[in-house]
Each structure stands twice: as structure tokens, then as C-alpha cells.
């Protein structure tokens, strides 16, 4: 008789890395599809009509939903870095600089592109809420969202970072809700 096979030990970090990869790929796909579909319809209908006509209310939600998907992708990518690279005992500004040099290459390109997508999608969602009247405020929101997304990928987890992420997500959702009522 043969003894029953003993299952291999469970590697928690490896499982987290695999799950994170799935989250990154899924969130990037969902966000890209939403933003691309919005772009196609915007070309046909026009941004002014989307911002003012209530028949396109659900379409106006697409940039905000894309921003949230890209933000989730960025956070998952940052978590993947946290699991893969051991922490360093240096000041936070130096840690961010070291992390930035660590991510030069493909990860750095993903970080900048994902942060740019968060900024663009946030710009569009705020612009639709304001009926395209205050482009400067929408631009400022997009730049701020870009900085929050990029810093989230350059810094390790902290309660402050979680609070900033939550504030960004709540502001995007609030803009989407306000767009539905006004």
C-alpha cells in the first residue's frame, strides 16, 4: 500500500502575489473598457450633451468607475511591491526615493500609466459633474488624483495612505452621485 500524498505546504505570500496579479489585470481591463467605451460614445454624442442630458446619466458614470478600477489596480500593484521587496529602515522621503529607483523599468512605467489613467478619469468625472464650466477645478482634481495614485505606489502601507486613498475614492463616488442628482 502507498501512503496518502501529503499536500505541499501552503505558501501564503505566493498565493497573495497570484491573487494580486489577477486583481491588477482585471481592474486594468475593466477600467480600460469603461474609458474606451466612454470615449467612443463621447465622439458620437459629444461631451456637452453627456454632461447636460439626463438620458446619458449612466454614461456619465463611466469615467468615475474607470478611475476607481484604475485606483484598485494601482493599490494592488503597490501591495505586490510591498510583498516582493523587504522594508528598509530609512526615513520616509528616502524610502520613497529608493522605491522609485526600484521601480524604474516596467513597474515604474505601469505606475506612471496607471496614475495617469486615474488622473484622466477623475478629470472627466469631475468635469461632467460641473457641466464643463470649471475646467481649472477639474484639472486640479485630475492632477491631485494622479499624485495620490502615484504616491500610493511609491510608499508602503500606512494608515495615512489608507486615509488618503479612502478620501480619493469617496470624492470620486460623491462626484458620480452628484452627477446623477443635478
Foldseek 3Di string as FASTA:
>chain_A
DDDDDDDDDDDVLVVLLVVLVVLLVVLQVQLVVLVVVLVVVCVVPNLLCCLPPLVNLVNLLSLLSSLVSLLSNLLSLLVSVPSVDDDDPDDQVVQLVVLCVVCPDPNNVSQQVSLLSNLVSQLSLLCSLVSVPCSVVSNVLSVVSSVLSSVSSSGHDDVVNVVSSVVNSVVSVVSSVSSNVD
